[in-house]
Amino acid sequence: MRRTATAAVSLGALAGLLAACTLHTGAPRPVRPAAAVVGPATGALAAGGTLPVLAYEFTPGQVKRQGIAYTLLLNGCLTRFGFGGLPQPSTDVRDFDVMIGRYGADADGYAVSGYHYKRYYISGRATDAPPSWAAGDRSAAGGAPSAEQESVLTGSVRTYGGSVVPEGGCDGEAKRRLTAGGGYYGTPELPGRIDADSFDRSAADPRVRAAVARWSACMAERGHPYPDPLAAASDRRWNTAAPSDGELATARADLDCKRRTGLVPLWLGVEQELQNAEIEQHRAELETVRAGEQAALGTVAAVTGPAA
């Protein structure tokens, strides 16, 4: 079975997207999908079931605020060298439940939106009234960076306009500020590894394999033969602008088979067991990680202002 990770946003990817969206113009406006109703999760997730290692990871909202702080620091540095038309920080600081979609269709919203639901949910569009920031292209003006701006951004020159360029350029300066005092820029390695490994190990656990086999048999009886829930969720037939009738029927059968087999609470319970054992083994290291994360969040708040 293929591995999936929680839906936490990658800070490196976020920074790259910020640069790509803000230093280039003319990108087409994103297609705004139909609204989807947010429903309760299935099984244990409906009762707020979660994974213990998430206590040692940044939330998606915190990662987004790090990206905003990075952009502000980058802009401040570039402004010192006389550059304008700079990236504008995102206004999206929402948090969301990273457990949604971990086990395939595991929330009732899948019955309304099919396997498009996770995409709608993470984007903030899975509501009856999408937030204002979700509409349209939020890219800032500015165009592609000039060779001079690129050199100051990356630090490929030592001086510019009579001023010394920071080591690593404005990018390096911003990241040093965010990691000062033992803080992190991006997701720490240890909790991320525990998170990913527990999924792989739980998928191979005999209890989960037996439950998946029952789910697969249930799906086959309904005319939807898949070896596991992730195969159903990643079916290429669902790569469409909106869910088809076939996709909706498959997702609804998926949810029903999960309820009948108790797959979600069982799988979650196995992952919790595995993670708790790893956390106990690495308790001291993880507490150091948590202290570094708190230091990073303090720096972010100093740059952006406290979270609302």
C-alpha atoms as a PDB file:
ATOM      1  CA  MET A   1       0.000   0.000   0.000  1.00  0.00           C
ATOM      2  CA  ARG A   2       1.331   3.416  -0.864  1.00  0.00           C
ATOM      3  CA  ARG A   3       2.373   5.769   1.888  1.00  0.00           C
ATOM      4  CA  THR A   4       0.565   9.010   2.565  1.00  0.00           C
ATOM      5  CA  ALA A   5       1.512  11.722   5.006  1.00  0.00           C
ATOM      6  CA  THR A   6      -0.617  14.166   6.911  1.00  0.00           C
ATOM      7  CA  ALA A   7      -1.754  17.204   4.996  1.00  0.00           C
ATOM      8  CA  ALA A   8       0.554  19.624   6.644  1.00  0.00           C
ATOM      9  CA  VAL A   9       1.836  22.239   4.244  1.00  0.00           C
ATOM     10  CA  SER A  10       5.514  22.067   3.288  1.00  0.00           C
ATOM     11  CA  LEU A  11       7.149  25.363   4.176  1.00  0.00           C
ATOM     12  CA  GLY A  12       9.776  24.966   1.474  1.00  0.00           C
ATOM     13  CA  ALA A  13       7.046  24.428  -1.098  1.00  0.00           C
ATOM     14  CA  LEU A  14       5.129  27.377   0.311  1.00  0.00           C
ATOM     15  CA  ALA A  15       8.116  29.683  -0.031  1.00  0.00           C
ATOM     16  CA  GLY A  16       8.654  28.465  -3.570  1.00  0.00           C
ATOM     17  CA  LEU A  17       5.031  29.073  -4.423  1.00  0.00           C
ATOM     18  CA  LEU A  18       5.195  32.544  -2.944  1.00  0.00           C
ATOM     19  CA  ALA A  19       8.148  33.372  -5.151  1.00  0.00           C
ATOM     20  CA  ALA A  20       6.622  31.778  -8.226  1.00  0.00           C
ATOM     21  CA  CYS A  21       3.280  33.505  -7.774  1.00  0.00           C
ATOM     22  CA  THR A  22       4.618  36.906  -6.914  1.00  0.00           C
ATOM     23  CA  LEU A  23       7.626  37.315  -9.152  1.00  0.00           C
ATOM     24  CA  HIS A  24       5.780  36.269 -12.305  1.00  0.00           C
ATOM     25  CA  THR A  25       2.586  37.674 -13.722  1.00  0.00           C
ATOM     26  CA  GLY A  26       0.079  36.641 -16.317  1.00  0.00           C
ATOM     27  CA  ALA A  27      -0.819  33.321 -14.661  1.00  0.00           C
ATOM     28  CA  PRO A  28      -4.378  32.194 -15.362  1.00  0.00           C
ATOM     29  CA  ARG A  29      -6.911  32.603 -12.614  1.00  0.00           C
ATOM     30  CA  PRO A  30      -7.552  29.338 -10.769  1.00  0.00           C
ATOM     31  CA  VAL A  31     -10.795  27.528 -11.486  1.00  0.00           C
ATOM     32  CA  ARG A  32     -13.108  27.949  -8.544  1.00  0.00           C
ATOM     33  CA  PRO A  33     -14.703  24.596  -7.765  1.00  0.00           C
ATOM     34  CA  ALA A  34     -18.285  24.164  -6.697  1.00  0.00           C
ATOM     35  CA  ALA A  35     -18.919  24.616  -3.003  1.00  0.00           C
ATOM     36  CA  ALA A  36     -18.916  21.451  -0.935  1.00  0.00           C
ATOM     37  CA  VAL A  37     -20.537  20.886   2.410  1.00  0.00           C
ATOM     38  CA  VAL A  38     -18.201  20.012   5.257  1.00  0.00           C
ATOM     39  CA  GLY A  39     -19.515  16.910   6.962  1.00  0.00           C
ATOM     40  CA  PRO A  40     -18.320  15.074  10.058  1.00  0.00           C
ATOM     41  CA  ALA A  41     -15.512  12.587   9.767  1.00  0.00           C
ATOM     42  CA  THR A  42     -16.007   8.836   9.725  1.00  0.00           C
ATOM     43  CA  GLY A  43     -15.458   6.544  12.685  1.00  0.00           C
ATOM     44  CA  ALA A  44     -12.868   7.596  15.242  1.00  0.00           C
ATOM     45  CA  LEU A  45     -12.090  10.786  13.354  1.00  0.00           C
ATOM     46  CA  ALA A  46     -15.657  11.929  14.023  1.00  0.00           C
ATOM     47  CA  ALA A  47     -14.809  12.025  17.727  1.00  0.00           C
ATOM     48  CA  GLY A  48     -11.713  14.135  17.133  1.00  0.00           C
ATOM     49  CA  GLY A  49      -9.351  11.191  16.795  1.00  0.00           C
ATOM     50  CA  THR A  50      -5.839  12.306  15.985  1.00  0.00           C
ATOM     51  CA  LEU A  51      -2.214  11.178  16.083  1.00  0.00           C
ATOM     52  CA  PRO A  52       0.024  11.893  19.097  1.00  0.00           C
ATOM     53  CA  VAL A  53       3.013  13.034  17.033  1.00  0.00           C
ATOM     54  CA  LEU A  54       1.012  15.996  15.741  1.00  0.00           C
ATOM     55  CA  ALA A  55       1.654  17.628  19.119  1.00  0.00           C
ATOM     56  CA  TYR A  56       5.276  17.948  17.968  1.00  0.00           C
ATOM     57  CA  GLU A  57       4.580  19.316  14.479  1.00  0.00           C
ATOM     58  CA  PHE A  58       3.620  22.775  13.250  1.00  0.00           C
ATOM     59  CA  THR A  59      -0.018  23.135  12.320  1.00  0.00           C
ATOM     60  CA  PRO A  60      -0.813  24.183   8.742  1.00  0.00           C
ATOM     61  CA  GLY A  61      -1.701  27.675   9.981  1.00  0.00           C
ATOM     62  CA  GLN A  62       1.618  27.993  11.769  1.00  0.00           C
ATOM     63  CA  VAL A  63       3.480  26.898   8.645  1.00  0.00           C
ATOM     64  CA  LYS A  64       1.581  29.507   6.639  1.00  0.00           C
ATOM     65  CA  ARG A  65       2.524  32.210   9.160  1.00  0.00           C
ATOM     66  CA  GLN A  66       6.156  31.188   8.818  1.00  0.00           C
ATOM     67  CA  GLY A  67       5.810  31.717   5.087  1.00  0.00           C
ATOM     68  CA  ILE A  68       4.333  35.165   5.680  1.00  0.00           C
ATOM     69  CA  ALA A  69       7.179  36.062   8.046  1.00  0.00           C
ATOM     70  CA  TYR A  70       9.706  34.859   5.480  1.00  0.00           C
ATOM     71  CA  THR A  71       8.126  37.038   2.786  1.00  0.00           C
ATOM     72  CA  LEU A  72       8.105  40.112   5.029  1.00  0.00           C
ATOM     73  CA  LEU A  73      11.749  39.624   5.982  1.00  0.00           C
ATOM     74  CA  LEU A  74      12.703  39.017   2.358  1.00  0.00           C
ATOM     75  CA  ASN A  75      10.904  42.181   1.279  1.00  0.00           C
ATOM     76  CA  GLY A  76      12.552  44.227   4.001  1.00  0.00           C
ATOM     77  CA  CYS A  77      15.968  43.125   2.828  1.00  0.00           C
ATOM     78  CA  LEU A  78      15.255  43.688  -0.867  1.00  0.00           C
ATOM     79  CA  THR A  79      13.838  47.138  -0.115  1.00  0.00           C
ATOM     80  CA  ARG A  80      17.159  48.135   1.482  1.00  0.00           C
ATOM     81  CA  PHE A  81      18.759  47.552  -1.906  1.00  0.00           C
ATOM     82  CA  GLY A  82      16.179  49.667  -3.711  1.00  0.00           C
ATOM     83  CA  PHE A  83      14.015  46.968  -5.277  1.00  0.00           C
ATOM     84  CA  GLY A  84      10.260  47.340  -5.700  1.00  0.00           C
ATOM     85  CA  GLY A  85       7.443  45.174  -7.060  1.00  0.00           C
ATOM     86  CA  LEU A  86       8.141  42.651  -4.311  1.00  0.00           C
ATOM     87  CA  PRO A  87       6.236  39.517  -3.267  1.00  0.00           C
ATOM     88  CA  GLN A  88       3.176  40.183  -1.141  1.00  0.00           C
ATOM     89  CA  PRO A  89       2.492  37.890   1.828  1.00  0.00           C
ATOM     90  CA  SER A  90      -0.496  35.601   1.657  1.00  0.00           C
ATOM     91  CA  THR A  91      -3.627  36.401   3.636  1.00  0.00           C
ATOM     92  CA  ASP A  92      -4.421  32.706   4.114  1.00  0.00           C
ATOM     93  CA  VAL A  93      -3.536  31.688   7.658  1.00  0.00           C
ATOM     94  CA  ARG A  94      -6.282  29.118   8.180  1.00  0.00           C
ATOM     95  CA  ASP A  95      -5.676  25.928  10.063  1.00  0.00           C
ATOM     96  CA  PHE A  96      -7.305  22.687   9.011  1.00  0.00           C
ATOM     97  CA  ASP A  97      -7.474  19.113  10.277  1.00  0.00           C
ATOM     98  CA  VAL A  98      -4.513  17.289   8.745  1.00  0.00           C
ATOM     99  CA  MET A  99      -6.158  13.942   9.484  1.00  0.00           C
ATOM    100  CA  ILE A 100      -8.764  14.418   6.762  1.00  0.00           C
ATOM    101  CA  GLY A 101      -7.967  12.084   3.867  1.00  0.00           C
ATOM    102  CA  ARG A 102      -5.208  10.152   5.633  1.00  0.00           C
ATOM    103  CA  TYR A 103      -7.131   6.915   5.184  1.00  0.00           C
ATOM    104  CA  GLY A 104      -8.755   7.847   1.897  1.00  0.00           C
ATOM    105  CA  ALA A 105     -12.424   8.824   2.109  1.00  0.00           C
ATOM    106  CA  ASP A 106     -12.790   9.311   5.860  1.00  0.00           C
ATOM    107  CA  ALA A 107     -15.148  12.290   6.169  1.00  0.00           C
ATOM    108  CA  ASP A 108     -18.794  12.631   5.189  1.00  0.00           C
ATOM    109  CA  GLY A 109     -17.884  15.481   2.848  1.00  0.00           C
ATOM    110  CA  TYR A 110     -16.678  12.797   0.441  1.00  0.00           C
ATOM    111  CA  ALA A 111     -20.299  11.780  -0.060  1.00  0.00           C
ATOM    112  CA  VAL A 112     -21.032  15.279  -1.386  1.00  0.00           C
ATOM    113  CA  SER A 113     -17.823  16.008  -3.305  1.00  0.00           C
ATOM    114  CA  GLY A 114     -16.363  12.589  -4.030  1.00  0.00           C
ATOM    115  CA  TYR A 115     -12.601  12.331  -3.902  1.00  0.00           C
ATOM    116  CA  HIS A 116     -12.371  16.027  -4.747  1.00  0.00           C
ATOM    117  CA  TYR A 117     -13.357  16.688  -1.144  1.00  0.00           C
ATOM    118  CA  LYS A 118      -9.851  16.784   0.357  1.00  0.00           C
ATOM    119  CA  ARG A 119      -8.739  19.294  -2.268  1.00  0.00           C
ATOM    120  CA  TYR A 120     -11.791  21.462  -1.558  1.00  0.00           C
ATOM    121  CA  TYR A 121     -11.322  21.156   2.195  1.00  0.00           C
ATOM    122  CA  ILE A 122      -7.638  22.100   2.266  1.00  0.00           C
ATOM    123  CA  SER A 123      -8.166  24.995  -0.142  1.00  0.00           C
ATOM    124  CA  GLY A 124     -10.836  26.476   2.135  1.00  0.00           C
ATOM    125  CA  ARG A 125     -13.521  26.101  -0.485  1.00  0.00           C
ATOM    126  CA  ALA A 126     -15.376  23.271   1.240  1.00  0.00           C
ATOM    127  CA  THR A 127     -18.001  25.564   2.704  1.00  0.00           C
ATOM    128  CA  ASP A 128     -21.279  27.008   1.535  1.00  0.00           C
ATOM    129  CA  ALA A 129     -19.662  30.470   1.465  1.00  0.00           C
ATOM    130  CA  PRO A 130     -15.996  30.358   0.423  1.00  0.00           C
ATOM    131  CA  PRO A 131     -13.846  32.971   2.194  1.00  0.00           C
ATOM    132  CA  SER A 132     -13.151  36.102   0.201  1.00  0.00           C
ATOM    133  CA  TRP A 133      -9.460  35.314  -0.215  1.00  0.00           C
ATOM    134  CA  ALA A 134     -10.325  32.085  -2.070  1.00  0.00           C
ATOM    135  CA  ALA A 135     -11.729  33.945  -5.073  1.00  0.00           C
ATOM    136  CA  GLY A 136      -9.453  34.857  -7.935  1.00  0.00           C
ATOM    137  CA  ASP A 137      -5.748  35.100  -8.437  1.00  0.00           C
ATOM    138  CA  ARG A 138      -3.918  36.758  -5.521  1.00  0.00           C
ATOM    139  CA  SER A 139      -0.598  37.114  -7.340  1.00  0.00           C
ATOM    140  CA  ALA A 140       1.119  40.447  -6.840  1.00  0.00           C
ATOM    141  CA  ALA A 141       2.492  42.583  -9.636  1.00  0.00           C
ATOM    142  CA  GLY A 142       6.185  42.602 -10.260  1.00  0.00           C
ATOM    143  CA  GLY A 143       7.120  40.386 -13.177  1.00  0.00           C
ATOM    144  CA  ALA A 144      10.164  38.184 -13.371  1.00  0.00           C
ATOM    145  CA  PRO A 145      13.070  39.318 -11.155  1.00  0.00           C
ATOM    146  CA  SER A 146      15.883  41.131 -12.889  1.00  0.00           C
ATOM    147  CA  ALA A 147      19.363  39.657 -12.864  1.00  0.00           C
ATOM    148  CA  GLU A 148      20.359  42.279 -10.286  1.00  0.00           C
ATOM    149  CA  GLN A 149      17.466  41.425  -7.974  1.00  0.00           C
ATOM    150  CA  GLU A 150      18.180  37.713  -8.348  1.00  0.00           C
ATOM    151  CA  SER A 151      21.804  38.272  -7.380  1.00  0.00           C
ATOM    152  CA  VAL A 152      20.831  40.105  -4.185  1.00  0.00           C
ATOM    153  CA  LEU A 153      18.117  37.558  -3.445  1.00  0.00           C
ATOM    154  CA  THR A 154      20.526  34.619  -3.614  1.00  0.00           C
ATOM    155  CA  GLY A 155      23.759  36.334  -2.563  1.00  0.00           C
ATOM    156  CA  SER A 156      25.632  35.588  -5.755  1.00  0.00           C
ATOM    157  CA  VAL A 157      27.229  39.053  -5.426  1.00  0.00           C
ATOM    158  CA  ARG A 158      29.031  40.435  -2.385  1.00  0.00           C
ATOM    159  CA  THR A 159      27.975  44.048  -2.812  1.00  0.00           C
ATOM    160  CA  TYR A 160      25.237  45.908  -4.625  1.00  0.00           C
ATOM    161  CA  GLY A 161      24.819  49.666  -4.917  1.00  0.00           C
ATOM    162  CA  GLY A 162      27.662  50.228  -2.515  1.00  0.00           C
ATOM    163  CA  SER A 163      26.114  48.068   0.233  1.00  0.00           C
ATOM    164  CA  VAL A 164      27.253  44.646   1.429  1.00  0.00           C
ATOM    165  CA  VAL A 165      24.868  41.836   0.454  1.00  0.00           C
ATOM    166  CA  PRO A 166      24.121  39.449   3.352  1.00  0.00           C
ATOM    167  CA  GLU A 167      25.631  35.985   3.215  1.00  0.00           C
ATOM    168  CA  GLY A 168      23.269  33.841   1.215  1.00  0.00           C
ATOM    169  CA  GLY A 169      21.522  36.970   0.022  1.00  0.00           C
ATOM    170  CA  CYS A 170      18.204  38.210   1.313  1.00  0.00           C
ATOM    171  CA  ASP A 171      16.979  34.620   1.329  1.00  0.00           C
ATOM    172  CA  GLY A 172      19.754  33.609   3.708  1.00  0.00           C
ATOM    173  CA  GLU A 173      19.181  36.640   5.928  1.00  0.00           C
ATOM    174  CA  ALA A 174      15.462  35.888   6.253  1.00  0.00           C
ATOM    175  CA  LYS A 175      16.048  32.231   7.101  1.00  0.00           C
ATOM    176  CA  ARG A 176      18.714  33.066   9.691  1.00  0.00           C
ATOM    177  CA  ARG A 177      16.287  35.395  11.418  1.00  0.00           C
ATOM    178  CA  LEU A 178      13.602  32.707  11.500  1.00  0.00           C
ATOM    179  CA  THR A 179      15.966  30.082  12.918  1.00  0.00           C
ATOM    180  CA  ALA A 180      17.586  32.338  15.529  1.00  0.00           C
ATOM    181  CA  GLY A 181      17.462  31.040  19.086  1.00  0.00           C
ATOM    182  CA  GLY A 182      17.214  27.412  18.033  1.00  0.00           C
ATOM    183  CA  GLY A 183      14.063  27.869  15.972  1.00  0.00           C
ATOM    184  CA  TYR A 184      13.047  25.934  12.883  1.00  0.00           C
ATOM    185  CA  TYR A 185      12.322  27.018   9.356  1.00  0.00           C
ATOM    186  CA  GLY A 186      10.108  24.241   8.027  1.00  0.00           C
ATOM    187  CA  THR A 187       9.042  20.966   9.569  1.00  0.00           C
ATOM    188  CA  PRO A 188      11.541  19.335  11.969  1.00  0.00           C
ATOM    189  CA  GLU A 189      12.812  15.982  10.713  1.00  0.00           C
ATOM    190  CA  LEU A 190      12.088  13.706  13.681  1.00  0.00           C
ATOM    191  CA  PRO A 191       8.325  14.177  14.099  1.00  0.00           C
ATOM    192  CA  GLY A 192       7.895  14.159  10.333  1.00  0.00           C
ATOM    193  CA  ARG A 193       9.721  10.842  10.123  1.00  0.00           C
ATOM    194  CA  ILE A 194       7.647   9.316  12.928  1.00  0.00           C
ATOM    195  CA  ASP A 195       4.506  10.526  11.171  1.00  0.00           C
ATOM    196  CA  ALA A 196       5.442   8.966   7.825  1.00  0.00           C
ATOM    197  CA  ASP A 197       6.900   5.750   9.244  1.00  0.00           C
ATOM    198  CA  SER A 198       3.847   5.029  11.377  1.00  0.00           C
ATOM    199  CA  PHE A 199       1.665   5.110   8.302  1.00  0.00           C
ATOM    200  CA  ASP A 200       3.863   2.623   6.437  1.00  0.00           C
ATOM    201  CA  ARG A 201       4.137   0.323   9.434  1.00  0.00           C
ATOM    202  CA  SER A 202       0.446   0.491  10.254  1.00  0.00           C
ATOM    203  CA  ALA A 203      -0.479  -0.337   6.658  1.00  0.00           C
ATOM    204  CA  ALA A 204       1.596  -3.515   6.984  1.00  0.00           C
ATOM    205  CA  ASP A 205       0.108  -4.469  10.360  1.00  0.00           C
ATOM    206  CA  PRO A 206      -1.916  -7.734  10.147  1.00  0.00           C
ATOM    207  CA  ARG A 207      -4.908  -6.111  11.853  1.00  0.00           C
ATOM    208  CA  VAL A 208      -5.041  -3.290   9.324  1.00  0.00           C
ATOM    209  CA  ARG A 209      -4.387  -5.623   6.396  1.00  0.00           C
ATOM    210  CA  ALA A 210      -7.308  -7.804   7.465  1.00  0.00           C
ATOM    211  CA  ALA A 211      -9.599  -4.791   7.773  1.00  0.00           C
ATOM    212  CA  VAL A 212      -8.476  -3.473   4.386  1.00  0.00           C
ATOM    213  CA  ALA A 213      -9.227  -6.883   2.869  1.00  0.00           C
ATOM    214  CA  ARG A 214     -12.745  -6.727   4.307  1.00  0.00           C
ATOM    215  CA  TRP A 215     -13.166  -3.210   2.942  1.00  0.00           C
ATOM    216  CA  SER A 216     -11.913  -4.342  -0.477  1.00  0.00           C
ATOM    217  CA  ALA A 217     -14.372  -7.245  -0.547  1.00  0.00           C
ATOM    218  CA  CYS A 218     -17.186  -4.878   0.431  1.00  0.00           C
ATOM    219  CA  MET A 219     -16.252  -2.510  -2.387  1.00  0.00           C
ATOM    220  CA  ALA A 220     -16.029  -5.339  -4.921  1.00  0.00           C
ATOM    221  CA  GLU A 221     -19.542  -6.458  -4.003  1.00  0.00           C
ATOM    222  CA  ARG A 222     -20.727  -2.975  -4.942  1.00  0.00           C
ATOM    223  CA  GLY A 223     -18.922  -3.036  -8.268  1.00  0.00           C
ATOM    224  CA  HIS A 224     -15.877  -0.992  -7.222  1.00  0.00           C
ATOM    225  CA  PRO A 225     -12.849  -3.314  -7.137  1.00  0.00           C
ATOM    226  CA  TYR A 226      -9.909  -1.654  -5.386  1.00  0.00           C
ATOM    227  CA  PRO A 227      -7.140  -3.268  -3.332  1.00  0.00           C
ATOM    228  CA  ASP A 228      -7.096  -0.512  -0.711  1.00  0.00           C
ATOM    229  CA  PRO A 229      -8.648   2.896   0.102  1.00  0.00           C
ATOM    230  CA  LEU A 230      -5.746   4.906  -1.305  1.00  0.00           C
ATOM    231  CA  ALA A 231      -6.130   3.194  -4.666  1.00  0.00           C
ATOM    232  CA  ALA A 232      -9.752   4.313  -4.726  1.00  0.00           C
ATOM    233  CA  ALA A 233      -8.888   7.875  -3.732  1.00  0.00           C
ATOM    234  CA  SER A 234      -6.114   8.198  -6.339  1.00  0.00           C
ATOM    235  CA  ASP A 235      -7.976   6.669  -9.283  1.00  0.00           C
ATOM    236  CA  ARG A 236      -6.985   8.690 -12.373  1.00  0.00           C
ATOM    237  CA  ARG A 237     -10.602   8.778 -13.450  1.00  0.00           C
ATOM    238  CA  TRP A 238     -11.188  11.389 -10.743  1.00  0.00           C
ATOM    239  CA  ASN A 239      -8.713  13.853 -12.342  1.00  0.00           C
ATOM    240  CA  THR A 240     -11.552  16.065 -13.522  1.00  0.00           C
ATOM    241  CA  ALA A 241     -12.673  19.617 -12.820  1.00  0.00           C
ATOM    242  CA  ALA A 242     -15.661  18.387 -10.820  1.00  0.00           C
ATOM    243  CA  PRO A 243     -16.736  15.014  -9.424  1.00  0.00           C
ATOM    244  CA  SER A 244     -18.597  12.738 -11.816  1.00  0.00           C
ATOM    245  CA  ASP A 245     -21.584  10.590 -10.929  1.00  0.00           C
ATOM    246  CA  GLY A 246     -19.296   7.556 -10.985  1.00  0.00           C
ATOM    247  CA  GLU A 247     -16.875   9.203  -8.578  1.00  0.00           C
ATOM    248  CA  LEU A 248     -19.660  10.132  -6.179  1.00  0.00           C
ATOM    249  CA  ALA A 249     -21.066   6.614  -6.248  1.00  0.00           C
ATOM    250  CA  THR A 250     -17.620   5.161  -5.552  1.00  0.00           C
ATOM    251  CA  ALA A 251     -16.929   7.551  -2.682  1.00  0.00           C
ATOM    252  CA  ARG A 252     -20.283   6.824  -1.079  1.00  0.00           C
ATOM    253  CA  ALA A 253     -19.674   3.093  -1.317  1.00  0.00           C
ATOM    254  CA  ASP A 254     -16.203   3.684   0.126  1.00  0.00           C
ATOM    255  CA  LEU A 255     -17.631   5.479   3.153  1.00  0.00           C
ATOM    256  CA  ASP A 256     -20.266   2.801   3.696  1.00  0.00           C
ATOM    257  CA  CYS A 257     -17.701   0.006   3.510  1.00  0.00           C
ATOM    258  CA  LYS A 258     -15.456   1.840   5.958  1.00  0.00           C
ATOM    259  CA  ARG A 259     -18.311   2.092   8.429  1.00  0.00           C
ATOM    260  CA  ARG A 260     -19.261  -1.559   7.968  1.00  0.00           C
ATOM    261  CA  THR A 261     -15.701  -2.787   8.485  1.00  0.00           C
ATOM    262  CA  GLY A 262     -14.635  -0.279  11.149  1.00  0.00           C
ATOM    263  CA  LEU A 263     -11.486   0.352   9.151  1.00  0.00           C
ATOM    264  CA  VAL A 264     -10.842   3.972  10.126  1.00  0.00           C
ATOM    265  CA  PRO A 265     -10.937   3.614  13.940  1.00  0.00           C
ATOM    266  CA  LEU A 266      -8.927   0.390  13.746  1.00  0.00           C
ATOM    267  CA  TRP A 267      -6.247   1.891  11.498  1.00  0.00           C
ATOM    268  CA  LEU A 268      -6.051   5.017  13.618  1.00  0.00           C
ATOM    269  CA  GLY A 269      -5.684   2.949  16.772  1.00  0.00           C
ATOM    270  CA  VAL A 270      -2.793   0.962  15.315  1.00  0.00           C
ATOM    271  CA  GLU A 271      -1.020   4.154  14.235  1.00  0.00           C
ATOM    272  CA  GLN A 272      -1.520   5.649  17.684  1.00  0.00           C
ATOM    273  CA  GLU A 273       0.091   2.588  19.270  1.00  0.00           C
ATOM    274  CA  LEU A 274       3.086   2.795  16.973  1.00  0.00           C
ATOM    275  CA  GLN A 275       3.550   6.526  17.450  1.00  0.00           C
ATOM    276  CA  ASN A 276       3.223   6.383  21.222  1.00  0.00           C
ATOM    277  CA  ALA A 277       6.036   3.827  21.340  1.00  0.00           C
ATOM    278  CA  GLU A 278       8.257   6.008  19.146  1.00  0.00           C
ATOM    279  CA  ILE A 279       7.463   9.131  21.159  1.00  0.00           C
ATOM    280  CA  GLU A 280       8.393   7.384  24.397  1.00  0.00           C
ATOM    281  CA  GLN A 281      11.685   6.258  22.867  1.00  0.00           C
ATOM    282  CA  HIS A 282      12.520   9.784  21.616  1.00  0.00           C
ATOM    283  CA  ARG A 283      10.860  11.826  24.366  1.00  0.00           C
ATOM    284  CA  ALA A 284      13.874  14.022  25.177  1.00  0.00           C
ATOM    285  CA  GLU A 285      14.605  14.753  21.513  1.00  0.00           C
ATOM    286  CA  LEU A 286      10.991  15.618  20.839  1.00  0.00           C
ATOM    287  CA  GLU A 287      10.834  18.001  23.778  1.00  0.00           C
ATOM    288  CA  THR A 288      13.858  19.775  22.311  1.00  0.00           C
ATOM    289  CA  VAL A 289      12.019  19.925  18.997  1.00  0.00           C
ATOM    290  CA  ARG A 290       8.979  21.422  20.691  1.00  0.00           C
ATOM    291  CA  ALA A 291      11.108  24.085  22.376  1.00  0.00           C
ATOM    292  CA  GLY A 292      12.617  24.973  18.993  1.00  0.00           C
ATOM    293  CA  GLU A 293       9.174  25.236  17.459  1.00  0.00           C
ATOM    294  CA  GLN A 294       8.061  27.591  20.215  1.00  0.00           C
ATOM    295  CA  ALA A 295      11.148  29.728  19.588  1.00  0.00           C
ATOM    296  CA  ALA A 296      10.300  29.816  15.884  1.00  0.00           C
ATOM    297  CA  LEU A 297       6.701  30.817  16.567  1.00  0.00           C
ATOM    298  CA  GLY A 298       7.917  33.598  18.841  1.00  0.00           C
ATOM    299  CA  THR A 299      10.105  34.949  16.058  1.00  0.00           C
ATOM    300  CA  VAL A 300       7.219  34.711  13.592  1.00  0.00           C
ATOM    301  CA  ALA A 301       4.965  36.653  15.967  1.00  0.00           C
ATOM    302  CA  ALA A 302       7.640  39.338  16.356  1.00  0.00           C
ATOM    303  CA  VAL A 303       7.784  39.727  12.575  1.00  0.00           C
ATOM    304  CA  THR A 304       4.100  39.439  11.699  1.00  0.00           C
ATOM    305  CA  GLY A 305       2.354  40.319  14.932  1.00  0.00           C
ATOM    306  CA  PRO A 306       0.558  37.764  17.157  1.00  0.00           C
ATOM    307  CA  ALA A 307      -1.896  35.337  15.577  1.00  0.00           C
ATOM    308  CA  ALA A 308      -5.489  36.510  15.630  1.00  0.00           C
END
